């Protein structure tokens, strides 16, 4: 089982350490995406006893909430990546 506190700390550090909206999206995918750290680790929950699964599942949800809050806080500083790409297009008349 992975150390969820370390995962949350790393994610928060990466979110706060980026200065690019595209990097922010890549970091988000690394932690919250389909094959992200949390999704892959969640697969191990099925191997646990029901009582333990309930406790660990609750900790997973808390970790995910903390990561999503850190992402939201970091995203406030940057426009969405699609609007950045759109602003770089040249308009020819």
PDB file of N, CA and C in Angstrom:
ATOM      1  N   UNK A   1       0.841  -1.178   0.000  1.00  0.00           N
ATOM      2  CA  UNK A   1       0.000   0.000   0.000  1.00  0.00           C
ATOM      3  C   UNK A   1       0.888   1.243   0.000  1.00  0.00           C
ATOM      4  N   UNK A   2       0.497   2.225  -0.760  1.00  0.00           N
ATOM      5  CA  UNK A   2       1.302   3.438  -0.840  1.00  0.00           C
ATOM      6  C   UNK A   2       1.025   4.347   0.352  1.00  0.00           C
ATOM      7  N   UNK A   3       1.960   5.216   0.626  1.00  0.00           N
ATOM      8  CA  UNK A   3       1.814   6.201   1.696  1.00  0.00           C
ATOM      9  C   UNK A   3       1.054   7.397   1.126  1.00  0.00           C
ATOM     10  N   UNK A   4      -0.214   7.498   1.465  1.00  0.00           N
ATOM     11  CA  UNK A   4      -1.072   8.548   0.906  1.00  0.00           C
ATOM     12  C   UNK A   4      -0.613   9.945   1.313  1.00  0.00           C
ATOM     13  N   UNK A   5      -0.072  10.074   2.522  1.00  0.00           N
ATOM     14  CA  UNK A   5       0.408  11.388   2.957  1.00  0.00           C
ATOM     15  C   UNK A   5       1.553  11.876   2.074  1.00  0.00           C
ATOM     16  N   UNK A   6       2.435  10.957   1.702  1.00  0.00           N
ATOM     17  CA  UNK A   6       3.544  11.328   0.817  1.00  0.00           C
ATOM     18  C   UNK A   6       3.036  11.699  -0.575  1.00  0.00           C
ATOM     19  N   UNK A   7       2.053  10.966  -1.064  1.00  0.00           N
ATOM     20  CA  UNK A   7       1.485  11.256  -2.378  1.00  0.00           C
ATOM     21  C   UNK A   7       0.858  12.647  -2.376  1.00  0.00           C
ATOM     22  N   UNK A   8       0.093  12.952  -1.331  1.00  0.00           N
ATOM     23  CA  UNK A   8      -0.542  14.263  -1.232  1.00  0.00           C
ATOM     24  C   UNK A   8       0.525  15.355  -1.155  1.00  0.00           C
ATOM     25  N   UNK A   9       1.541  15.147  -0.351  1.00  0.00           N
ATOM     26  CA  UNK A   9       2.614  16.149  -0.217  1.00  0.00           C
ATOM     27  C   UNK A   9       3.331  16.384  -1.535  1.00  0.00           C
ATOM     28  N   UNK A  10       3.624  15.300  -2.253  1.00  0.00           N
ATOM     29  CA  UNK A  10       4.291  15.448  -3.554  1.00  0.00           C
ATOM     30  C   UNK A  10       3.413  16.188  -4.548  1.00  0.00           C
ATOM     31  N   UNK A  11       2.122  15.842  -4.575  1.00  0.00           N
ATOM     32  CA  UNK A  11       1.203  16.494  -5.506  1.00  0.00           C
ATOM     33  C   UNK A  11       1.105  17.982  -5.204  1.00  0.00           C
ATOM     34  N   UNK A  12       0.949  18.330  -3.937  1.00  0.00           N
ATOM     35  CA  UNK A  12       0.852  19.736  -3.554  1.00  0.00           C
ATOM     36  C   UNK A  12       2.128  20.481  -3.925  1.00  0.00           C
ATOM     37  N   UNK A  13       3.269  19.860  -3.678  1.00  0.00           N
ATOM     38  CA  UNK A  13       4.543  20.495  -4.022  1.00  0.00           C
ATOM     39  C   UNK A  13       4.663  20.708  -5.531  1.00  0.00           C
ATOM     40  N   UNK A  14       4.238  19.725  -6.313  1.00  0.00           N
ATOM     41  CA  UNK A  14       4.314  19.863  -7.765  1.00  0.00           C
ATOM     42  C   UNK A  14       3.344  20.926  -8.272  1.00  0.00           C
ATOM     43  N   UNK A  15       2.129  20.950  -7.720  1.00  0.00           N
ATOM     44  CA  UNK A  15       1.161  21.974  -8.140  1.00  0.00           C
ATOM     45  C   UNK A  15       1.675  23.365  -7.831  1.00  0.00           C
ATOM     46  N   UNK A  16       2.226  23.538  -6.646  1.00  0.00           N
ATOM     47  CA  UNK A  16       2.682  24.873  -6.262  1.00  0.00           C
ATOM     48  C   UNK A  16       4.001  25.236  -6.937  1.00  0.00           C
ATOM     49  N   UNK A  17       4.722  24.241  -7.435  1.00  0.00           N
ATOM     50  CA  UNK A  17       6.012  24.509  -8.059  1.00  0.00           C
ATOM     51  C   UNK A  17       5.952  24.760  -9.555  1.00  0.00           C
ATOM     52  N   UNK A  18       4.783  24.637 -10.150  1.00  0.00           N
ATOM     53  CA  UNK A  18       4.689  24.833 -11.595  1.00  0.00           C
ATOM     54  C   UNK A  18       4.322  26.272 -11.909  1.00  0.00           C
ATOM     55  N   UNK A  19       4.756  26.702 -13.082  1.00  0.00           N
ATOM     56  CA  UNK A  19       4.410  28.050 -13.532  1.00  0.00           C
ATOM     57  C   UNK A  19       3.831  28.012 -14.942  1.00  0.00           C
ATOM     58  N   UNK A  20       3.212  26.892 -15.256  1.00  0.00           N
ATOM     59  CA  UNK A  20       2.672  26.696 -16.598  1.00  0.00           C
ATOM     60  C   UNK A  20       1.364  25.907 -16.503  1.00  0.00           C
ATOM     61  N   UNK A  21       0.339  26.385 -17.154  1.00  0.00           N
ATOM     62  CA  UNK A  21      -0.969  25.722 -17.104  1.00  0.00           C
ATOM     63  C   UNK A  21      -0.922  24.333 -17.737  1.00  0.00           C
ATOM     64  N   UNK A  22      -0.133  24.157 -18.782  1.00  0.00           N
ATOM     65  CA  UNK A  22      -0.021  22.828 -19.405  1.00  0.00           C
ATOM     66  C   UNK A  22       0.642  21.838 -18.455  1.00  0.00           C
ATOM     67  N   UNK A  23       1.672  22.292 -17.743  1.00  0.00           N
ATOM     68  CA  UNK A  23       2.309  21.423 -16.749  1.00  0.00           C
ATOM     69  C   UNK A  23       1.325  21.039 -15.659  1.00  0.00           C
ATOM     70  N   UNK A  24       0.477  21.986 -15.290  1.00  0.00           N
ATOM     71  CA  UNK A  24      -0.526  21.732 -14.274  1.00  0.00           C
ATOM     72  C   UNK A  24      -1.455  20.592 -14.709  1.00  0.00           C
ATOM     73  N   UNK A  25      -1.834  20.585 -15.971  1.00  0.00           N
ATOM     74  CA  UNK A  25      -2.692  19.519 -16.501  1.00  0.00           C
ATOM     75  C   UNK A  25      -1.977  18.166 -16.479  1.00  0.00           C
ATOM     76  N   UNK A  26      -0.690  18.159 -16.796  1.00  0.00           N
ATOM     77  CA  UNK A  26       0.076  16.906 -16.775  1.00  0.00           C
ATOM     78  C   UNK A  26       0.215  16.374 -15.348  1.00  0.00           C
ATOM     79  N   UNK A  27       0.438  17.285 -14.410  1.00  0.00           N
ATOM     80  CA  UNK A  27       0.548  16.872 -13.012  1.00  0.00           C
ATOM     81  C   UNK A  27      -0.795  16.336 -12.526  1.00  0.00           C
ATOM     82  N   UNK A  28      -1.862  16.999 -12.907  1.00  0.00           N
ATOM     83  CA  UNK A  28      -3.203  16.530 -12.545  1.00  0.00           C
ATOM     84  C   UNK A  28      -3.420  15.103 -13.042  1.00  0.00           C
ATOM     85  N   UNK A  29      -3.067  14.844 -14.286  1.00  0.00           N
ATOM     86  CA  UNK A  29      -3.234  13.505 -14.859  1.00  0.00           C
ATOM     87  C   UNK A  29      -2.368  12.483 -14.126  1.00  0.00           C
ATOM     88  N   UNK A  30      -1.180  12.893 -13.716  1.00  0.00           N
ATOM     89  CA  UNK A  30      -0.271  11.976 -13.025  1.00  0.00           C
ATOM     90  C   UNK A  30      -0.878  11.493 -11.709  1.00  0.00           C
ATOM     91  N   UNK A  31      -1.608  12.336 -11.046  1.00  0.00           N
ATOM     92  CA  UNK A  31      -2.167  11.960  -9.741  1.00  0.00           C
ATOM     93  C   UNK A  31      -3.638  11.555  -9.790  1.00  0.00           C
ATOM     94  N   UNK A  32      -4.434  12.203 -10.639  1.00  0.00           N
ATOM     95  CA  UNK A  32      -5.879  11.980 -10.621  1.00  0.00           C
ATOM     96  C   UNK A  32      -6.428  11.311 -11.880  1.00  0.00           C
ATOM     97  N   UNK A  33      -5.593  11.093 -12.873  1.00  0.00           N
ATOM     98  CA  UNK A  33      -6.045  10.511 -14.132  1.00  0.00           C
ATOM     99  C   UNK A  33      -6.394   9.036 -14.016  1.00  0.00           C
ATOM    100  N   UNK A  34      -6.899   8.475 -15.117  1.00  0.00           N
ATOM    101  CA  UNK A  34      -7.313   7.062 -15.130  1.00  0.00           C
ATOM    102  C   UNK A  34      -6.191   6.121 -14.715  1.00  0.00           C
ATOM    103  N   UNK A  35      -4.995   6.396 -15.171  1.00  0.00           N
ATOM    104  CA  UNK A  35      -3.864   5.548 -14.788  1.00  0.00           C
ATOM    105  C   UNK A  35      -2.927   6.304 -13.853  1.00  0.00           C
ATOM    106  N   UNK A  36      -3.487   7.265 -13.128  1.00  0.00           N
ATOM    107  CA  UNK A  36      -2.714   8.068 -12.192  1.00  0.00           C
ATOM    108  C   UNK A  36      -2.363   7.304 -10.929  1.00  0.00           C
ATOM    109  N   UNK A  37      -1.593   7.944 -10.100  1.00  0.00           N
ATOM    110  CA  UNK A  37      -1.103   7.328  -8.866  1.00  0.00           C
ATOM    111  C   UNK A  37      -2.264   6.842  -7.988  1.00  0.00           C
ATOM    112  N   UNK A  38      -3.252   7.686  -7.778  1.00  0.00           N
ATOM    113  CA  UNK A  38      -4.361   7.282  -6.907  1.00  0.00           C
ATOM    114  C   UNK A  38      -5.203   6.179  -7.525  1.00  0.00           C
ATOM    115  N   UNK A  39      -5.444   6.247  -8.817  1.00  0.00           N
ATOM    116  CA  UNK A  39      -6.255   5.220  -9.484  1.00  0.00           C
ATOM    117  C   UNK A  39      -5.570   3.859  -9.434  1.00  0.00           C
ATOM    118  N   UNK A  40      -4.280   3.854  -9.656  1.00  0.00           N
ATOM    119  CA  UNK A  40      -3.542   2.591  -9.624  1.00  0.00           C
ATOM    120  C   UNK A  40      -3.500   2.021  -8.207  1.00  0.00           C
ATOM    121  N   UNK A  41      -3.300   2.885  -7.232  1.00  0.00           N
ATOM    122  CA  UNK A  41      -3.243   2.418  -5.845  1.00  0.00           C
ATOM    123  C   UNK A  41      -4.608   1.956  -5.351  1.00  0.00           C
ATOM    124  N   UNK A  42      -5.667   2.557  -5.866  1.00  0.00           N
ATOM    125  CA  UNK A  42      -7.025   2.191  -5.439  1.00  0.00           C
ATOM    126  C   UNK A  42      -7.332   0.729  -5.808  1.00  0.00           C
ATOM    127  N   UNK A  43      -6.684   0.219  -6.825  1.00  0.00           N
ATOM    128  CA  UNK A  43      -6.908  -1.169  -7.234  1.00  0.00           C
ATOM    129  C   UNK A  43      -6.531  -2.145  -6.121  1.00  0.00           C
ATOM    130  N   UNK A  44      -5.602  -1.728  -5.251  1.00  0.00           N
ATOM    131  CA  UNK A  44      -5.177  -2.595  -4.149  1.00  0.00           C
ATOM    132  C   UNK A  44      -6.238  -2.716  -3.062  1.00  0.00           C
ATOM    133  N   UNK A  45      -7.221  -1.833  -3.073  1.00  0.00           N
ATOM    134  CA  UNK A  45      -8.271  -1.883  -2.046  1.00  0.00           C
ATOM    135  C   UNK A  45      -9.043  -3.200  -2.083  1.00  0.00           C
ATOM    136  N   UNK A  46      -9.198  -3.768  -3.252  1.00  0.00           N
ATOM    137  CA  UNK A  46      -9.957  -5.012  -3.384  1.00  0.00           C
ATOM    138  C   UNK A  46      -9.297  -6.172  -2.627  1.00  0.00           C
ATOM    139  N   UNK A  47      -8.010  -6.053  -2.391  1.00  0.00           N
ATOM    140  CA  UNK A  47      -7.279  -7.125  -1.711  1.00  0.00           C
ATOM    141  C   UNK A  47      -7.423  -7.065  -0.193  1.00  0.00           C
ATOM    142  N   UNK A  48      -7.999  -5.974   0.312  1.00  0.00           N
ATOM    143  CA  UNK A  48      -8.088  -5.786   1.760  1.00  0.00           C
ATOM    144  C   UNK A  48      -9.371  -6.390   2.326  1.00  0.00           C
ATOM    145  N   UNK A  49      -9.347  -6.651   3.609  1.00  0.00           N
ATOM    146  CA  UNK A  49     -10.537  -7.118   4.315  1.00  0.00           C
ATOM    147  C   UNK A  49     -11.570  -5.986   4.328  1.00  0.00           C
ATOM    148  N   UNK A  50     -12.866  -6.316   4.393  1.00  0.00           N
ATOM    149  CA  UNK A  50     -13.907  -5.283   4.321  1.00  0.00           C
ATOM    150  C   UNK A  50     -13.745  -4.144   5.334  1.00  0.00           C
ATOM    151  N   UNK A  51     -13.421  -4.466   6.588  1.00  0.00           N
ATOM    152  CA  UNK A  51     -13.250  -3.408   7.593  1.00  0.00           C
ATOM    153  C   UNK A  51     -12.065  -2.515   7.263  1.00  0.00           C
ATOM    154  N   UNK A  52     -10.988  -3.134   6.867  1.00  0.00           N
ATOM    155  CA  UNK A  52      -9.791  -2.370   6.514  1.00  0.00           C
ATOM    156  C   UNK A  52     -10.034  -1.557   5.237  1.00  0.00           C
ATOM    157  N   UNK A  53     -10.756  -2.151   4.299  1.00  0.00           N
ATOM    158  CA  UNK A  53     -11.074  -1.467   3.042  1.00  0.00           C
ATOM    159  C   UNK A  53     -11.859  -0.184   3.295  1.00  0.00           C
ATOM    160  N   UNK A  54     -12.779  -0.239   4.245  1.00  0.00           N
ATOM    161  CA  UNK A  54     -13.582   0.931   4.583  1.00  0.00           C
ATOM    162  C   UNK A  54     -12.686   2.062   5.116  1.00  0.00           C
ATOM    163  N   UNK A  55     -11.779   1.720   6.009  1.00  0.00           N
ATOM    164  CA  UNK A  55     -10.886   2.730   6.582  1.00  0.00           C
ATOM    165  C   UNK A  55      -9.913   3.293   5.551  1.00  0.00           C
ATOM    166  N   UNK A  56      -9.312   2.409   4.786  1.00  0.00           N
ATOM    167  CA  UNK A  56      -8.353   2.853   3.772  1.00  0.00           C
ATOM    168  C   UNK A  56      -9.077   3.618   2.666  1.00  0.00           C
ATOM    169  N   UNK A  57     -10.275   3.191   2.319  1.00  0.00           N
ATOM    170  CA  UNK A  57     -11.063   3.902   1.309  1.00  0.00           C
ATOM    171  C   UNK A  57     -11.379   5.322   1.741  1.00  0.00           C
ATOM    172  N   UNK A  58     -11.684   5.497   3.012  1.00  0.00           N
ATOM    173  CA  UNK A  58     -11.951   6.843   3.532  1.00  0.00           C
ATOM    174  C   UNK A  58     -10.684   7.702   3.456  1.00  0.00           C
ATOM    175  N   UNK A  59      -9.536   7.112   3.758  1.00  0.00           N
ATOM    176  CA  UNK A  59      -8.268   7.864   3.644  1.00  0.00           C
ATOM    177  C   UNK A  59      -7.972   8.213   2.187  1.00  0.00           C
ATOM    178  N   UNK A  60      -8.289   7.320   1.257  1.00  0.00           N
ATOM    179  CA  UNK A  60      -8.122   7.614  -0.168  1.00  0.00           C
ATOM    180  C   UNK A  60      -8.978   8.819  -0.566  1.00  0.00           C
ATOM    181  N   UNK A  61     -10.222   8.814  -0.111  1.00  0.00           N
ATOM    182  CA  UNK A  61     -11.113   9.927  -0.448  1.00  0.00           C
ATOM    183  C   UNK A  61     -10.595  11.244   0.117  1.00  0.00           C
ATOM    184  N   UNK A  62     -10.072  11.224   1.334  1.00  0.00           N
ATOM    185  CA  UNK A  62      -9.497  12.427   1.922  1.00  0.00           C
ATOM    186  C   UNK A  62      -8.282  12.896   1.130  1.00  0.00           C
ATOM    187  N   UNK A  63      -7.435  11.950   0.729  1.00  0.00           N
ATOM    188  CA  UNK A  63      -6.246  12.294  -0.055  1.00  0.00           C
ATOM    189  C   UNK A  63      -6.650  12.911  -1.389  1.00  0.00           C
ATOM    190  N   UNK A  64      -7.636  12.310  -2.035  1.00  0.00           N
ATOM    191  CA  UNK A  64      -8.110  12.834  -3.323  1.00  0.00           C
ATOM    192  C   UNK A  64      -8.673  14.236  -3.149  1.00  0.00           C
ATOM    193  N   UNK A  65      -9.435  14.457  -2.089  1.00  0.00           N
ATOM    194  CA  UNK A  65      -9.993  15.782  -1.824  1.00  0.00           C
ATOM    195  C   UNK A  65      -8.894  16.821  -1.620  1.00  0.00           C
ATOM    196  N   UNK A  66      -7.849  16.453  -0.891  1.00  0.00           N
ATOM    197  CA  UNK A  66      -6.730  17.383  -0.653  1.00  0.00           C
ATOM    198  C   UNK A  66      -6.007  17.711  -1.959  1.00  0.00           C
ATOM    199  N   UNK A  67      -5.802  16.701  -2.791  1.00  0.00           N
ATOM    200  CA  UNK A  67      -5.125  16.924  -4.072  1.00  0.00           C
ATOM    201  C   UNK A  67      -5.982  17.803  -4.969  1.00  0.00           C
ATOM    202  N   UNK A  68      -7.288  17.540  -5.012  1.00  0.00           N
ATOM    203  CA  UNK A  68      -8.178  18.357  -5.835  1.00  0.00           C
ATOM    204  C   UNK A  68      -8.240  19.799  -5.342  1.00  0.00           C
ATOM    205  N   UNK A  69      -8.190  20.000  -4.022  1.00  0.00           N
ATOM    206  CA  UNK A  69      -8.179  21.363  -3.469  1.00  0.00           C
ATOM    207  C   UNK A  69      -6.891  22.083  -3.839  1.00  0.00           C
ATOM    208  N   UNK A  70      -5.767  21.376  -3.784  1.00  0.00           N
ATOM    209  CA  UNK A  70      -4.487  21.981  -4.162  1.00  0.00           C
ATOM    210  C   UNK A  70      -4.473  22.318  -5.648  1.00  0.00           C
ATOM    211  N   UNK A  71      -5.061  21.456  -6.454  1.00  0.00           N
ATOM    212  CA  UNK A  71      -5.156  21.714  -7.888  1.00  0.00           C
ATOM    213  C   UNK A  71      -6.004  22.957  -8.151  1.00  0.00           C
ATOM    214  N   UNK A  72      -7.126  23.043  -7.479  1.00  0.00           N
ATOM    215  CA  UNK A  72      -8.010  24.200  -7.665  1.00  0.00           C
ATOM    216  C   UNK A  72      -7.306  25.491  -7.258  1.00  0.00           C
ATOM    217  N   UNK A  73      -6.567  25.439  -6.163  1.00  0.00           N
ATOM    218  CA  UNK A  73      -5.838  26.631  -5.712  1.00  0.00           C
ATOM    219  C   UNK A  73      -4.766  27.026  -6.723  1.00  0.00           C
ATOM    220  N   UNK A  74      -4.063  26.056  -7.264  1.00  0.00           N
ATOM    221  CA  UNK A  74      -3.013  26.347  -8.247  1.00  0.00           C
ATOM    222  C   UNK A  74      -3.624  26.825  -9.563  1.00  0.00           C
ATOM    223  N   UNK A  75      -4.772  26.270  -9.935  1.00  0.00           N
ATOM    224  CA  UNK A  75      -5.396  26.611 -11.214  1.00  0.00           C
ATOM    225  C   UNK A  75      -5.934  28.041 -11.228  1.00  0.00           C
ATOM    226  N   UNK A  76      -6.198  28.601 -10.067  1.00  0.00           N
ATOM    227  CA  UNK A  76      -6.692  29.984 -10.013  1.00  0.00           C
ATOM    228  C   UNK A  76      -5.680  30.972 -10.590  1.00  0.00           C
ATOM    229  N   UNK A  77      -4.415  30.590 -10.575  1.00  0.00           N
ATOM    230  CA  UNK A  77      -3.353  31.478 -11.047  1.00  0.00           C
ATOM    231  C   UNK A  77      -3.132  31.415 -12.547  1.00  0.00           C
ATOM    232  N   UNK A  78      -3.715  30.409 -13.197  1.00  0.00           N
ATOM    233  CA  UNK A  78      -3.444  30.196 -14.616  1.00  0.00           C
ATOM    234  C   UNK A  78      -4.742  30.028 -15.387  1.00  0.00           C
ATOM    235  N   UNK A  79      -4.787  30.557 -16.606  1.00  0.00           N
ATOM    236  CA  UNK A  79      -5.954  30.290 -17.456  1.00  0.00           C
ATOM    237  C   UNK A  79      -5.906  28.835 -17.926  1.00  0.00           C
ATOM    238  N   UNK A  80      -7.024  28.278 -18.365  1.00  0.00           N
ATOM    239  CA  UNK A  80      -7.007  26.897 -18.862  1.00  0.00           C
ATOM    240  C   UNK A  80      -6.080  26.764 -20.064  1.00  0.00           C
ATOM    241  N   UNK A  81      -5.432  25.612 -20.224  1.00  0.00           N
ATOM    242  CA  UNK A  81      -4.491  25.431 -21.328  1.00  0.00           C
ATOM    243  C   UNK A  81      -5.088  25.705 -22.698  1.00  0.00           C
ATOM    244  N   UNK A  82      -6.349  25.385 -22.912  1.00  0.00           N
ATOM    245  CA  UNK A  82      -6.951  25.601 -24.229  1.00  0.00           C
ATOM    246  C   UNK A  82      -7.008  27.082 -24.568  1.00  0.00           C
ATOM    247  N   UNK A  83      -7.237  27.937 -23.580  1.00  0.00           N
ATOM    248  CA  UNK A  83      -7.284  29.373 -23.865  1.00  0.00           C
ATOM    249  C   UNK A  83      -5.893  29.914 -24.132  1.00  0.00           C
ATOM    250  N   UNK A  84      -4.874  29.273 -23.584  1.00  0.00           N
ATOM    251  CA  UNK A  84      -3.500  29.696 -23.874  1.00  0.00           C
ATOM    252  C   UNK A  84      -3.174  29.362 -25.318  1.00  0.00           C
ATOM    253  N   UNK A  85      -3.500  28.139 -25.735  1.00  0.00           N
ATOM    254  CA  UNK A  85      -3.217  27.747 -27.115  1.00  0.00           C
ATOM    255  C   UNK A  85      -3.953  28.650 -28.093  1.00  0.00           C
ATOM    256  N   UNK A  86      -5.194  28.965 -27.780  1.00  0.00           N
ATOM    257  CA  UNK A  86      -5.987  29.810 -28.665  1.00  0.00           C
ATOM    258  C   UNK A  86      -5.436  31.211 -28.782  1.00  0.00           C
ATOM    259  N   UNK A  87      -4.807  31.709 -27.729  1.00  0.00           N
ATOM    260  CA  UNK A  87      -4.294  33.074 -27.765  1.00  0.00           C
ATOM    261  C   UNK A  87      -3.019  33.174 -28.583  1.00  0.00           C
ATOM    262  N   UNK A  88      -2.388  32.046 -28.857  1.00  0.00           N
ATOM    263  CA  UNK A  88      -1.146  32.067 -29.633  1.00  0.00           C
ATOM    264  C   UNK A  88      -1.387  31.991 -31.134  1.00  0.00           C
ATOM    265  N   UNK A  89      -2.622  31.753 -31.522  1.00  0.00           N
ATOM    266  CA  UNK A  89      -2.917  31.651 -32.944  1.00  0.00           C
ATOM    267  C   UNK A  89      -2.830  33.027 -33.594  1.00  0.00           C
ATOM    268  N   UNK A  90      -2.263  33.043 -34.747  1.00  0.00           N
ATOM    269  CA  UNK A  90      -2.206  34.305 -35.492  1.00  0.00           C
ATOM    270  C   UNK A  90      -3.438  34.442 -36.333  1.00  0.00           C
ATOM    271  N   UNK A  91      -3.880  35.631 -36.423  1.00  0.00           N
ATOM    272  CA  UNK A  91      -5.048  35.892 -37.261  1.00  0.00           C
ATOM    273  C   UNK A  91      -4.571  36.601 -38.529  1.00  0.00           C
ATOM    274  N   UNK A  92      -4.882  35.993 -39.632  1.00  0.00           N
ATOM    275  CA  UNK A  92      -4.496  36.569 -40.921  1.00  0.00           C
ATOM    276  C   UNK A  92      -5.722  37.220 -41.534  1.00  0.00           C
ATOM    277  N   UNK A  93      -5.520  38.382 -42.033  1.00  0.00           N
ATOM    278  CA  UNK A  93      -6.653  39.104 -42.646  1.00  0.00           C
ATOM    279  C   UNK A  93      -6.585  39.030 -44.133  1.00  0.00           C
TER     280      UNK A  93
END
